[in-house]
Amino acid sequence: MGWYDDHILPHCITLACNTRPVRLQREKIVPQATGDVLEIGFGGGPNLPYYDRRNIRKVWGLEPAAAMRKLAEAPIAASGIDVELIGLPGEEIPLDAASIDTVLVTYTLCTIGDVAATLAGMRRVLRPGGRLLFCEHGSAPDPGVRHWQDKLNSGWGRITGGCNMNRDIPYIIETAGFSIIEDNRMYIPGLRILSYNFWGAAVIR
């Protein structure tokens, strides 16, 4: 990690992931979380305002970046939610098998290096009947938009901490052994190469 990754990138990500269209997306999916929750890519805690505290017991926030965990301290304290931060990447989930009711991942599957291993870990920790809730941006349905996503993806990733704008999120989730039971897709306001969103819920197949 260099100076840019430690001091500039966390604030850029926080700003980009807190626009009004993105907040509206979080509002659709986060309140569905119940019980013991594992949030992958906790960041600076942008999902905290949207949890329904009546329906959750505890949130484990997996966030590998120390700078992001530092940014999350004040929002966690203000939230009144029982949050335990885990300073590990998504590929290393240190929780027991079948111990989590809800796995929540928002605007994170685009960035994880070994996304298959991360989803396998999510599947391992989910209890029978548990749900994976997701809200992500990714590969657009329009060939013209997809062309530019593919063309610009490599350079984009270099300046955004590894973000991929062209991942087929539903395909990635389903090939990891999940069945998507709620599938929503649309462009949200913003640059079309970055604004095609997928959100919904999945269960273990």
N, C-alpha and C. Protein backbone atom coordinates (compact mmCIF):
# COMPACT_ATOMS: atom_id res chain seq x y z
N MET A 1 0.84 -1.19 0.00
CA MET A 1 0.00 0.00 0.00
C MET A 1 0.88 1.24 0.00
N GLY A 2 0.64 2.19 -0.92
CA GLY A 2 1.40 3.42 -0.98
C GLY A 2 0.65 4.58 -0.35
N TRP A 3 1.25 5.75 -0.47
CA TRP A 3 0.66 6.96 0.12
C TRP A 3 -0.72 7.24 -0.46
N TYR A 4 -0.86 7.09 -1.79
CA TYR A 4 -2.15 7.32 -2.44
C TYR A 4 -3.21 6.38 -1.89
N ASP A 5 -2.87 5.09 -1.77
CA ASP A 5 -3.83 4.10 -1.28
C ASP A 5 -4.23 4.35 0.17
N ASP A 6 -3.28 4.87 0.96
CA ASP A 6 -3.54 5.07 2.38
C ASP A 6 -4.27 6.37 2.69
N HIS A 7 -3.98 7.42 1.91
CA HIS A 7 -4.44 8.75 2.30
C HIS A 7 -5.44 9.39 1.34
N ILE A 8 -5.41 9.02 0.08
CA ILE A 8 -6.29 9.65 -0.91
C ILE A 8 -7.44 8.73 -1.31
N LEU A 9 -7.09 7.49 -1.67
CA LEU A 9 -8.09 6.56 -2.19
C LEU A 9 -9.27 6.33 -1.25
N PRO A 10 -9.05 6.14 0.07
CA PRO A 10 -10.20 5.91 0.95
C PRO A 10 -11.24 7.04 0.90
N HIS A 11 -10.76 8.27 0.82
CA HIS A 11 -11.69 9.41 0.77
C HIS A 11 -12.40 9.49 -0.59
N CYS A 12 -11.67 9.16 -1.66
CA CYS A 12 -12.30 9.14 -2.98
C CYS A 12 -13.40 8.08 -3.06
N ILE A 13 -13.10 6.90 -2.52
CA ILE A 13 -14.09 5.82 -2.52
C ILE A 13 -15.31 6.22 -1.69
N THR A 14 -15.06 6.83 -0.54
CA THR A 14 -16.17 7.25 0.33
C THR A 14 -17.07 8.23 -0.38
N LEU A 15 -16.49 9.19 -1.10
CA LEU A 15 -17.30 10.17 -1.84
C LEU A 15 -18.07 9.51 -2.98
N ALA A 16 -17.38 8.65 -3.74
CA ALA A 16 -18.03 8.01 -4.89
C ALA A 16 -19.16 7.08 -4.46
N CYS A 17 -19.02 6.47 -3.30
CA CYS A 17 -20.01 5.50 -2.82
C CYS A 17 -21.07 6.15 -1.93
N ASN A 18 -21.11 7.48 -1.93
CA ASN A 18 -22.09 8.16 -1.09
C ASN A 18 -22.89 9.19 -1.89
N THR A 19 -22.95 9.01 -3.22
CA THR A 19 -23.80 9.89 -4.02
C THR A 19 -25.27 9.56 -3.75
N ARG A 20 -26.14 10.46 -4.08
CA ARG A 20 -27.57 10.23 -3.81
C ARG A 20 -28.10 8.97 -4.50
N PRO A 21 -27.80 8.72 -5.80
CA PRO A 21 -28.29 7.49 -6.41
C PRO A 21 -27.81 6.23 -5.69
N VAL A 22 -26.55 6.23 -5.24
CA VAL A 22 -26.02 5.07 -4.53
C VAL A 22 -26.68 4.92 -3.17
N ARG A 23 -26.91 6.04 -2.49
CA ARG A 23 -27.60 5.97 -1.19
C ARG A 23 -29.00 5.38 -1.36
N LEU A 24 -29.68 5.76 -2.42
CA LEU A 24 -31.02 5.22 -2.66
C LEU A 24 -30.96 3.71 -2.90
N GLN A 25 -29.90 3.23 -3.53
CA GLN A 25 -29.73 1.79 -3.73
C GLN A 25 -29.50 1.08 -2.40
N ARG A 26 -28.67 1.66 -1.56
CA ARG A 26 -28.43 1.07 -0.24
C ARG A 26 -29.74 0.99 0.55
N GLU A 27 -30.55 2.00 0.41
CA GLU A 27 -31.82 2.04 1.16
C GLU A 27 -32.76 0.92 0.74
N LYS A 28 -32.60 0.43 -0.48
CA LYS A 28 -33.45 -0.66 -0.96
C LYS A 28 -33.05 -2.01 -0.38
N ILE A 29 -31.75 -2.22 -0.14
CA ILE A 29 -31.29 -3.56 0.17
C ILE A 29 -30.87 -3.76 1.62
N VAL A 30 -30.21 -2.77 2.24
CA VAL A 30 -29.66 -2.96 3.58
C VAL A 30 -30.72 -3.26 4.63
N PRO A 31 -31.90 -2.59 4.61
CA PRO A 31 -32.89 -2.88 5.65
C PRO A 31 -33.41 -4.31 5.67
N GLN A 32 -33.12 -5.07 4.60
CA GLN A 32 -33.58 -6.46 4.56
C GLN A 32 -32.71 -7.39 5.42
N ALA A 33 -31.57 -6.90 5.89
CA ALA A 33 -30.67 -7.73 6.70
C ALA A 33 -31.32 -8.07 8.03
N THR A 34 -31.14 -9.31 8.47
CA THR A 34 -31.70 -9.77 9.75
C THR A 34 -30.67 -10.59 10.52
N GLY A 35 -30.88 -10.65 11.84
CA GLY A 35 -30.08 -11.54 12.70
C GLY A 35 -28.63 -11.13 12.79
N ASP A 36 -27.76 -12.12 12.74
CA ASP A 36 -26.31 -11.90 12.75
C ASP A 36 -25.86 -11.64 11.32
N VAL A 37 -25.21 -10.50 11.11
CA VAL A 37 -24.91 -10.03 9.75
C VAL A 37 -23.40 -9.97 9.54
N LEU A 38 -22.98 -10.47 8.40
CA LEU A 38 -21.61 -10.29 7.95
C LEU A 38 -21.64 -9.35 6.76
N GLU A 39 -21.00 -8.18 6.92
CA GLU A 39 -20.92 -7.24 5.81
C GLU A 39 -19.52 -7.31 5.22
N ILE A 40 -19.45 -7.66 3.94
CA ILE A 40 -18.18 -7.78 3.24
C ILE A 40 -17.85 -6.45 2.59
N GLY A 41 -16.65 -5.92 2.88
CA GLY A 41 -16.28 -4.61 2.35
C GLY A 41 -16.98 -3.50 3.12
N PHE A 42 -16.78 -3.48 4.43
CA PHE A 42 -17.50 -2.55 5.31
C PHE A 42 -17.16 -1.09 5.01
N GLY A 43 -15.94 -0.86 4.53
CA GLY A 43 -15.53 0.50 4.20
C GLY A 43 -15.59 1.43 5.40
N GLY A 44 -16.06 2.65 5.15
CA GLY A 44 -16.21 3.62 6.21
C GLY A 44 -17.57 3.58 6.88
N GLY A 45 -18.32 2.51 6.62
CA GLY A 45 -19.62 2.32 7.25
C GLY A 45 -20.79 3.00 6.57
N PRO A 46 -20.79 3.11 5.23
CA PRO A 46 -21.90 3.81 4.56
C PRO A 46 -23.25 3.13 4.69
N ASN A 47 -23.26 1.83 5.03
CA ASN A 47 -24.55 1.13 5.16
C ASN A 47 -25.18 1.29 6.54
N LEU A 48 -24.44 1.78 7.50
CA LEU A 48 -24.93 1.83 8.88
C LEU A 48 -26.27 2.54 9.02
N PRO A 49 -26.52 3.67 8.34
CA PRO A 49 -27.80 4.36 8.54
C PRO A 49 -29.02 3.59 8.06
N TYR A 50 -28.78 2.53 7.25
CA TYR A 50 -29.90 1.85 6.60
C TYR A 50 -30.27 0.52 7.25
N TYR A 51 -29.51 0.05 8.21
CA TYR A 51 -29.88 -1.16 8.93
C TYR A 51 -31.14 -0.92 9.75
N ASP A 52 -32.00 -1.90 9.77
CA ASP A 52 -33.17 -1.88 10.66
C ASP A 52 -32.74 -2.51 11.98
N ARG A 53 -32.46 -1.67 12.96
CA ARG A 53 -31.91 -2.16 14.24
C ARG A 53 -32.83 -3.13 14.94
N ARG A 54 -34.12 -3.07 14.66
CA ARG A 54 -35.07 -3.98 15.31
C ARG A 54 -34.84 -5.42 14.85
N ASN A 55 -34.25 -5.59 13.69
CA ASN A 55 -34.15 -6.92 13.08
C ASN A 55 -32.76 -7.53 13.08
N ILE A 56 -31.76 -6.79 13.58
CA ILE A 56 -30.40 -7.33 13.58
C ILE A 56 -29.87 -7.43 15.01
N ARG A 57 -28.98 -8.40 15.21
CA ARG A 57 -28.33 -8.56 16.51
C ARG A 57 -26.93 -7.96 16.51
N LYS A 58 -26.16 -8.30 15.50
CA LYS A 58 -24.77 -7.85 15.45
C LYS A 58 -24.31 -7.81 14.00
N VAL A 59 -23.37 -6.92 13.72
CA VAL A 59 -22.77 -6.82 12.39
C VAL A 59 -21.27 -7.06 12.51
N TRP A 60 -20.78 -8.05 11.77
CA TRP A 60 -19.35 -8.22 11.60
C TRP A 60 -18.97 -7.51 10.31
N GLY A 61 -18.09 -6.53 10.40
CA GLY A 61 -17.70 -5.75 9.24
C GLY A 61 -16.32 -6.14 8.75
N LEU A 62 -16.25 -6.87 7.64
CA LEU A 62 -14.97 -7.32 7.10
C LEU A 62 -14.40 -6.20 6.22
N GLU A 63 -13.26 -5.66 6.60
CA GLU A 63 -12.66 -4.55 5.87
C GLU A 63 -11.13 -4.63 5.99
N PRO A 64 -10.45 -4.96 4.89
CA PRO A 64 -9.00 -5.15 4.97
C PRO A 64 -8.19 -3.87 5.11
N ALA A 65 -8.73 -2.74 4.66
CA ALA A 65 -7.95 -1.50 4.64
C ALA A 65 -8.01 -0.79 5.99
N ALA A 66 -6.84 -0.61 6.61
CA ALA A 66 -6.78 0.05 7.91
C ALA A 66 -7.33 1.48 7.84
N ALA A 67 -7.06 2.18 6.73
CA ALA A 67 -7.55 3.55 6.59
C ALA A 67 -9.07 3.59 6.57
N MET A 68 -9.68 2.61 5.94
CA MET A 68 -11.14 2.53 5.91
C MET A 68 -11.70 2.22 7.29
N ARG A 69 -11.05 1.30 8.00
CA ARG A 69 -11.52 0.97 9.35
C ARG A 69 -11.44 2.19 10.26
N LYS A 70 -10.43 3.01 10.06
CA LYS A 70 -10.29 4.24 10.84
C LYS A 70 -11.44 5.20 10.53
N LEU A 71 -11.79 5.33 9.25
CA LEU A 71 -12.90 6.19 8.86
C LEU A 71 -14.23 5.70 9.44
N ALA A 72 -14.32 4.40 9.68
CA ALA A 72 -15.58 3.82 10.17
C ALA A 72 -15.80 4.02 11.66
N GLU A 73 -14.77 4.39 12.39
CA GLU A 73 -14.88 4.44 13.85
C GLU A 73 -15.99 5.38 14.32
N ALA A 74 -16.02 6.60 13.82
CA ALA A 74 -17.03 7.57 14.26
C ALA A 74 -18.44 7.15 13.85
N PRO A 75 -18.67 6.73 12.58
CA PRO A 75 -20.02 6.26 12.22
C PRO A 75 -20.49 5.08 13.06
N ILE A 76 -19.59 4.16 13.40
CA ILE A 76 -19.97 3.03 14.24
C ILE A 76 -20.40 3.52 15.62
N ALA A 77 -19.62 4.40 16.20
CA ALA A 77 -19.94 4.92 17.53
C ALA A 77 -21.28 5.64 17.54
N ALA A 78 -21.58 6.35 16.45
CA ALA A 78 -22.83 7.11 16.39
C ALA A 78 -24.03 6.23 16.07
N SER A 79 -23.80 5.04 15.53
CA SER A 79 -24.90 4.21 15.04
C SER A 79 -25.67 3.51 16.15
N GLY A 80 -24.99 3.19 17.25
CA GLY A 80 -25.62 2.40 18.30
C GLY A 80 -25.77 0.94 17.94
N ILE A 81 -25.15 0.50 16.84
CA ILE A 81 -25.20 -0.89 16.41
C ILE A 81 -23.97 -1.62 16.92
N ASP A 82 -24.15 -2.86 17.33
CA ASP A 82 -23.04 -3.69 17.77
C ASP A 82 -22.27 -4.14 16.54
N VAL A 83 -21.11 -3.52 16.31
CA VAL A 83 -20.30 -3.80 15.13
C VAL A 83 -18.93 -4.29 15.58
N GLU A 84 -18.48 -5.38 14.99
CA GLU A 84 -17.12 -5.87 15.22
C GLU A 84 -16.39 -5.86 13.88
N LEU A 85 -15.34 -5.04 13.79
CA LEU A 85 -14.58 -4.96 12.55
C LEU A 85 -13.55 -6.08 12.48
N ILE A 86 -13.39 -6.60 11.26
CA ILE A 86 -12.43 -7.67 11.00
C ILE A 86 -11.47 -7.17 9.93
N GLY A 87 -10.21 -7.05 10.26
CA GLY A 87 -9.22 -6.49 9.35
C GLY A 87 -8.62 -7.51 8.42
N LEU A 88 -9.45 -8.19 7.68
CA LEU A 88 -8.99 -9.21 6.74
C LEU A 88 -9.68 -9.02 5.39
N PRO A 89 -9.08 -9.53 4.32
CA PRO A 89 -9.74 -9.45 3.00
C PRO A 89 -10.90 -10.42 2.90
N GLY A 90 -11.71 -10.23 1.87
CA GLY A 90 -12.89 -11.06 1.68
C GLY A 90 -12.58 -12.53 1.51
N GLU A 91 -11.38 -12.83 1.03
CA GLU A 91 -11.01 -14.22 0.83
C GLU A 91 -10.73 -14.95 2.14
N GLU A 92 -10.67 -14.20 3.25
CA GLU A 92 -10.33 -14.80 4.54
C GLU A 92 -11.39 -14.42 5.58
N ILE A 93 -12.48 -15.17 5.63
CA ILE A 93 -13.56 -14.88 6.57
C ILE A 93 -13.38 -15.75 7.81
N PRO A 94 -13.01 -15.16 8.95
CA PRO A 94 -12.65 -15.95 10.13
C PRO A 94 -13.83 -16.26 11.03
N LEU A 95 -14.95 -16.64 10.45
CA LEU A 95 -16.14 -16.95 11.23
C LEU A 95 -16.48 -18.43 11.05
N ASP A 96 -17.21 -18.96 12.03
CA ASP A 96 -17.57 -20.37 11.98
C ASP A 96 -18.55 -20.66 10.85
N ALA A 97 -18.53 -21.89 10.39
CA ALA A 97 -19.50 -22.31 9.38
C ALA A 97 -20.91 -22.21 9.94
N ALA A 98 -21.84 -21.84 9.07
CA ALA A 98 -23.27 -21.76 9.42
C ALA A 98 -23.50 -20.92 10.67
N SER A 99 -22.84 -19.75 10.74
CA SER A 99 -22.96 -18.89 11.93
C SER A 99 -23.63 -17.55 11.64
N ILE A 100 -23.97 -17.29 10.37
CA ILE A 100 -24.45 -15.97 9.96
C ILE A 100 -25.82 -16.10 9.30
N ASP A 101 -26.72 -15.18 9.66
CA ASP A 101 -28.06 -15.18 9.05
C ASP A 101 -28.09 -14.42 7.73
N THR A 102 -27.32 -13.34 7.63
CA THR A 102 -27.33 -12.50 6.43
C THR A 102 -25.90 -12.11 6.08
N VAL A 103 -25.53 -12.33 4.84
CA VAL A 103 -24.31 -11.75 4.30
C VAL A 103 -24.72 -10.58 3.42
N LEU A 104 -24.11 -9.43 3.66
CA LEU A 104 -24.42 -8.23 2.90
C LEU A 104 -23.17 -7.78 2.16
N VAL A 105 -23.31 -7.54 0.87
CA VAL A 105 -22.19 -7.03 0.08
C VAL A 105 -22.70 -5.95 -0.86
N THR A 106 -22.16 -4.75 -0.73
CA THR A 106 -22.59 -3.62 -1.55
C THR A 106 -21.37 -2.94 -2.17
N TYR A 107 -21.36 -2.86 -3.49
CA TYR A 107 -20.30 -2.17 -4.22
C TYR A 107 -18.92 -2.65 -3.80
N THR A 108 -18.79 -3.97 -3.71
CA THR A 108 -17.55 -4.58 -3.25
C THR A 108 -17.10 -5.73 -4.15
N LEU A 109 -18.03 -6.51 -4.69
CA LEU A 109 -17.65 -7.63 -5.55
C LEU A 109 -16.88 -7.17 -6.78
N CYS A 110 -17.00 -5.90 -7.12
CA CYS A 110 -16.27 -5.35 -8.26
C CYS A 110 -14.77 -5.27 -7.99
N THR A 111 -14.39 -5.26 -6.72
CA THR A 111 -13.01 -4.96 -6.34
C THR A 111 -12.24 -6.17 -5.84
N ILE A 112 -12.92 -7.14 -5.26
CA ILE A 112 -12.24 -8.29 -4.64
C ILE A 112 -11.44 -9.06 -5.68
N GLY A 113 -10.20 -9.40 -5.33
CA GLY A 113 -9.34 -10.11 -6.27
C GLY A 113 -9.85 -11.50 -6.58
N ASP A 114 -9.92 -12.35 -5.59
CA ASP A 114 -10.40 -13.73 -5.79
C ASP A 114 -11.86 -13.78 -5.37
N VAL A 115 -12.72 -13.33 -6.26
CA VAL A 115 -14.14 -13.20 -5.91
C VAL A 115 -14.78 -14.57 -5.70
N ALA A 116 -14.30 -15.59 -6.40
CA ALA A 116 -14.85 -16.94 -6.23
C ALA A 116 -14.58 -17.45 -4.82
N ALA A 117 -13.36 -17.24 -4.33
CA ALA A 117 -13.01 -17.68 -2.97
C ALA A 117 -13.83 -16.92 -1.93
N THR A 118 -14.05 -15.65 -2.18
CA THR A 118 -14.83 -14.83 -1.24
C THR A 118 -16.26 -15.32 -1.17
N LEU A 119 -16.86 -15.60 -2.32
CA LEU A 119 -18.24 -16.10 -2.33
C LEU A 119 -18.33 -17.49 -1.71
N ALA A 120 -17.29 -18.30 -1.89
CA ALA A 120 -17.28 -19.62 -1.24
C ALA A 120 -17.27 -19.44 0.27
N GLY A 121 -16.53 -18.44 0.76
CA GLY A 121 -16.52 -18.15 2.19
C GLY A 121 -17.86 -17.67 2.69
N MET A 122 -18.53 -16.83 1.91
CA MET A 122 -19.87 -16.37 2.27
C MET A 122 -20.83 -17.56 2.38
N ARG A 123 -20.72 -18.44 1.41
CA ARG A 123 -21.59 -19.63 1.39
C ARG A 123 -21.33 -20.50 2.63
N ARG A 124 -20.07 -20.61 3.01
CA ARG A 124 -19.70 -21.45 4.16
C ARG A 124 -20.30 -20.92 5.45
N VAL A 125 -20.29 -19.59 5.65
CA VAL A 125 -20.71 -19.04 6.95
C VAL A 125 -22.22 -18.85 7.06
N LEU A 126 -22.94 -18.91 5.95
CA LEU A 126 -24.39 -18.72 6.01
C LEU A 126 -25.08 -19.92 6.66
N ARG A 127 -26.01 -19.62 7.54
CA ARG A 127 -26.84 -20.67 8.14
C ARG A 127 -27.84 -21.18 7.11
N PRO A 128 -28.36 -22.39 7.30
CA PRO A 128 -29.44 -22.87 6.43
C PRO A 128 -30.60 -21.86 6.45
N GLY A 129 -31.06 -21.48 5.29
CA GLY A 129 -32.12 -20.48 5.21
C GLY A 129 -31.62 -19.05 5.21
N GLY A 130 -30.30 -18.86 5.39
CA GLY A 130 -29.73 -17.51 5.37
C GLY A 130 -29.71 -16.95 3.96
N ARG A 131 -29.51 -15.64 3.88
CA ARG A 131 -29.55 -14.98 2.57
C ARG A 131 -28.29 -14.15 2.33
N LEU A 132 -27.90 -14.12 1.08
CA LEU A 132 -26.90 -13.18 0.60
C LEU A 132 -27.64 -12.00 -0.03
N LEU A 133 -27.46 -10.81 0.54
CA LEU A 133 -28.03 -9.59 -0.03
C LEU A 133 -26.93 -8.84 -0.77
N PHE A 134 -27.21 -8.42 -1.98
CA PHE A 134 -26.17 -7.78 -2.78
C PHE A 134 -26.71 -6.55 -3.51
N CYS A 135 -25.83 -5.58 -3.69
CA CYS A 135 -26.10 -4.43 -4.53
C CYS A 135 -24.76 -4.02 -5.14
N GLU A 136 -24.65 -4.15 -6.45
CA GLU A 136 -23.37 -3.98 -7.12
C GLU A 136 -23.55 -3.29 -8.46
N HIS A 137 -22.48 -2.69 -8.96
CA HIS A 137 -22.48 -2.23 -10.34
C HIS A 137 -21.68 -3.22 -11.18
N GLY A 138 -21.94 -3.24 -12.48
CA GLY A 138 -21.21 -4.21 -13.29
C GLY A 138 -21.55 -4.12 -14.76
N SER A 139 -21.39 -5.24 -15.43
CA SER A 139 -21.50 -5.32 -16.88
C SER A 139 -22.88 -4.88 -17.37
N ALA A 140 -22.89 -3.92 -18.27
CA ALA A 140 -24.14 -3.36 -18.79
C ALA A 140 -24.72 -4.25 -19.89
N PRO A 141 -26.04 -4.17 -20.12
CA PRO A 141 -26.65 -5.02 -21.15
C PRO A 141 -26.47 -4.48 -22.56
N ASP A 142 -26.08 -3.22 -22.69
CA ASP A 142 -25.97 -2.60 -24.01
C ASP A 142 -24.56 -2.82 -24.58
N PRO A 143 -24.45 -3.38 -25.80
CA PRO A 143 -23.13 -3.67 -26.36
C PRO A 143 -22.20 -2.46 -26.43
N GLY A 144 -22.75 -1.29 -26.74
CA GLY A 144 -21.92 -0.10 -26.83
C GLY A 144 -21.32 0.29 -25.49
N VAL A 145 -22.12 0.21 -24.45
CA VAL A 145 -21.63 0.53 -23.11
C VAL A 145 -20.62 -0.53 -22.67
N ARG A 146 -20.93 -1.80 -22.93
CA ARG A 146 -20.03 -2.88 -22.55
C ARG A 146 -18.67 -2.76 -23.24
N HIS A 147 -18.69 -2.31 -24.49
CA HIS A 147 -17.44 -2.11 -25.23
C HIS A 147 -16.52 -1.15 -24.48
N TRP A 148 -17.07 -0.05 -24.01
CA TRP A 148 -16.26 0.93 -23.30
C TRP A 148 -15.89 0.45 -21.90
N GLN A 149 -16.77 -0.32 -21.28
CA GLN A 149 -16.41 -0.91 -19.99
C GLN A 149 -15.17 -1.81 -20.15
N ASP A 150 -15.18 -2.65 -21.17
CA ASP A 150 -14.05 -3.55 -21.39
C ASP A 150 -12.79 -2.78 -21.76
N LYS A 151 -12.95 -1.75 -22.56
CA LYS A 151 -11.81 -0.99 -23.05
C LYS A 151 -11.13 -0.20 -21.92
N LEU A 152 -11.92 0.36 -21.02
CA LEU A 152 -11.40 1.24 -19.98
C LEU A 152 -11.12 0.52 -18.66
N ASN A 153 -11.52 -0.74 -18.56
CA ASN A 153 -11.51 -1.42 -17.26
C ASN A 153 -10.13 -1.47 -16.61
N SER A 154 -9.11 -1.80 -17.39
CA SER A 154 -7.78 -1.98 -16.82
C SER A 154 -7.25 -0.67 -16.21
N GLY A 155 -7.36 0.42 -16.95
CA GLY A 155 -6.90 1.70 -16.44
C GLY A 155 -7.72 2.17 -15.25
N TRP A 156 -9.01 1.93 -15.31
CA TRP A 156 -9.90 2.31 -14.21
C TRP A 156 -9.49 1.59 -12.92
N GLY A 157 -9.19 0.31 -13.03
CA GLY A 157 -8.81 -0.45 -11.86
C GLY A 157 -7.54 0.04 -11.21
N ARG A 158 -6.62 0.55 -12.01
CA ARG A 158 -5.34 1.01 -11.46
C ARG A 158 -5.50 2.23 -10.57
N ILE A 159 -6.52 3.05 -10.82
CA ILE A 159 -6.67 4.28 -10.03
C ILE A 159 -7.77 4.17 -8.97
N THR A 160 -8.45 3.02 -8.92
CA THR A 160 -9.59 2.88 -7.99
C THR A 160 -9.42 1.71 -7.03
N GLY A 161 -8.21 1.27 -6.84
CA GLY A 161 -7.99 0.18 -5.89
C GLY A 161 -8.45 -1.16 -6.38
N GLY A 162 -8.49 -1.35 -7.71
CA GLY A 162 -8.84 -2.65 -8.27
C GLY A 162 -10.28 -2.82 -8.69
N CYS A 163 -11.05 -1.75 -8.73
CA CYS A 163 -12.46 -1.84 -9.14
C CYS A 163 -12.58 -2.27 -10.59
N ASN A 164 -13.47 -3.22 -10.85
CA ASN A 164 -13.79 -3.67 -12.21
C ASN A 164 -15.18 -3.18 -12.58
N MET A 165 -15.29 -2.51 -13.72
CA MET A 165 -16.59 -1.99 -14.13
C MET A 165 -17.38 -2.97 -14.99
N ASN A 166 -16.78 -4.12 -15.32
CA ASN A 166 -17.42 -5.01 -16.30
C ASN A 166 -17.69 -6.42 -15.79
N ARG A 167 -17.78 -6.61 -14.48
CA ARG A 167 -18.07 -7.95 -13.97
C ARG A 167 -19.55 -8.28 -14.09
N ASP A 168 -19.84 -9.52 -14.49
CA ASP A 168 -21.21 -10.00 -14.60
C ASP A 168 -21.61 -10.53 -13.21
N ILE A 169 -22.18 -9.67 -12.41
CA ILE A 169 -22.42 -9.99 -11.00
C ILE A 169 -23.35 -11.18 -10.81
N PRO A 170 -24.51 -11.24 -11.46
CA PRO A 170 -25.38 -12.41 -11.25
C PRO A 170 -24.70 -13.72 -11.63
N TYR A 171 -23.95 -13.71 -12.72
CA TYR A 171 -23.24 -14.93 -13.14
C TYR A 171 -22.23 -15.35 -12.08
N ILE A 172 -21.49 -14.38 -11.55
CA ILE A 172 -20.48 -14.69 -10.53
C ILE A 172 -21.14 -15.29 -9.29
N ILE A 173 -22.25 -14.73 -8.88
CA ILE A 173 -22.95 -15.22 -7.69
C ILE A 173 -23.48 -16.63 -7.92
N GLU A 174 -24.11 -16.85 -9.07
CA GLU A 174 -24.73 -18.15 -9.33
C GLU A 174 -23.68 -19.25 -9.53
N THR A 175 -22.55 -18.93 -10.13
CA THR A 175 -21.53 -19.96 -10.33
C THR A 175 -20.82 -20.32 -9.02
N ALA A 176 -21.05 -19.52 -7.97
CA ALA A 176 -20.47 -19.82 -6.66
C ALA A 176 -21.39 -20.70 -5.82
N GLY A 177 -22.49 -21.17 -6.40
CA GLY A 177 -23.36 -22.09 -5.68
C GLY A 177 -24.57 -21.45 -5.04
N PHE A 178 -24.91 -20.24 -5.49
CA PHE A 178 -26.11 -19.56 -4.99
C PHE A 178 -27.20 -19.57 -6.05
N SER A 179 -28.44 -19.48 -5.59
CA SER A 179 -29.58 -19.24 -6.47
C SER A 179 -30.13 -17.86 -6.17
N ILE A 180 -30.22 -17.02 -7.17
CA ILE A 180 -30.74 -15.67 -6.98
C ILE A 180 -32.26 -15.74 -6.92
N ILE A 181 -32.83 -15.27 -5.82
CA ILE A 181 -34.28 -15.33 -5.64
C ILE A 181 -34.93 -13.96 -5.80
N GLU A 182 -34.13 -12.92 -5.81
CA GLU A 182 -34.62 -11.57 -6.10
C GLU A 182 -33.60 -10.91 -7.00
N ASP A 183 -34.02 -10.53 -8.21
CA ASP A 183 -33.07 -10.07 -9.23
C ASP A 183 -33.58 -8.76 -9.83
N ASN A 184 -32.92 -7.67 -9.47
CA ASN A 184 -33.28 -6.34 -9.99
C ASN A 184 -32.09 -5.75 -10.73
N ARG A 185 -32.37 -5.05 -11.83
CA ARG A 185 -31.30 -4.49 -12.65
C ARG A 185 -31.78 -3.20 -13.30
N MET A 186 -30.90 -2.19 -13.29
CA MET A 186 -31.21 -0.96 -14.02
C MET A 186 -30.00 -0.03 -13.98
N TYR A 187 -30.01 0.95 -14.89
CA TYR A 187 -29.06 2.05 -14.79
C TYR A 187 -29.55 3.01 -13.72
N ILE A 188 -28.65 3.41 -12.84
CA ILE A 188 -28.96 4.50 -11.93
C ILE A 188 -28.31 5.75 -12.49
N PRO A 189 -28.71 6.95 -12.05
CA PRO A 189 -28.11 8.18 -12.59
C PRO A 189 -26.59 8.18 -12.43
N GLY A 190 -25.91 8.60 -13.50
CA GLY A 190 -24.46 8.65 -13.48
C GLY A 190 -23.89 8.19 -14.82
N LEU A 191 -22.58 8.09 -14.91
CA LEU A 191 -21.93 7.60 -16.11
C LEU A 191 -22.41 6.18 -16.40
N ARG A 192 -22.83 5.94 -17.63
CA ARG A 192 -23.44 4.65 -17.94
C ARG A 192 -22.45 3.50 -17.78
N ILE A 193 -21.17 3.73 -18.00
CA ILE A 193 -20.19 2.66 -17.85
C ILE A 193 -20.02 2.25 -16.39
N LEU A 194 -20.49 3.09 -15.46
CA LEU A 194 -20.33 2.80 -14.04
C LEU A 194 -21.66 2.64 -13.30
N SER A 195 -22.77 2.80 -14.01
CA SER A 195 -24.03 2.95 -13.29
C SER A 195 -25.05 1.85 -13.52
N TYR A 196 -24.65 0.75 -14.21
CA TYR A 196 -25.61 -0.34 -14.33
C TYR A 196 -25.55 -1.16 -13.05
N ASN A 197 -26.66 -1.22 -12.34
CA ASN A 197 -26.70 -1.85 -11.02
C ASN A 197 -27.50 -3.15 -11.01
N PHE A 198 -27.01 -4.08 -10.18
CA PHE A 198 -27.70 -5.33 -9.88
C PHE A 198 -27.96 -5.33 -8.37
N TRP A 199 -29.17 -5.66 -7.94
CA TRP A 199 -29.39 -5.81 -6.51
C TRP A 199 -30.49 -6.83 -6.27
N GLY A 200 -30.38 -7.48 -5.11
CA GLY A 200 -31.38 -8.50 -4.79
C GLY A 200 -30.89 -9.43 -3.69
N ALA A 201 -31.35 -10.67 -3.74
CA ALA A 201 -31.05 -11.65 -2.69
C ALA A 201 -30.78 -13.01 -3.33
N ALA A 202 -29.94 -13.78 -2.65
CA ALA A 202 -29.62 -15.13 -3.11
C ALA A 202 -29.56 -16.07 -1.92
N VAL A 203 -29.80 -17.34 -2.17
CA VAL A 203 -29.72 -18.37 -1.14
C VAL A 203 -28.81 -19.48 -1.64
N ILE A 204 -28.34 -20.29 -0.71
CA ILE A 204 -27.47 -21.40 -1.08
C ILE A 204 -28.26 -22.43 -1.90
N ARG A 205 -27.67 -22.82 -3.02
CA ARG A 205 -28.34 -23.80 -3.89
C ARG A 205 -28.04 -25.22 -3.41
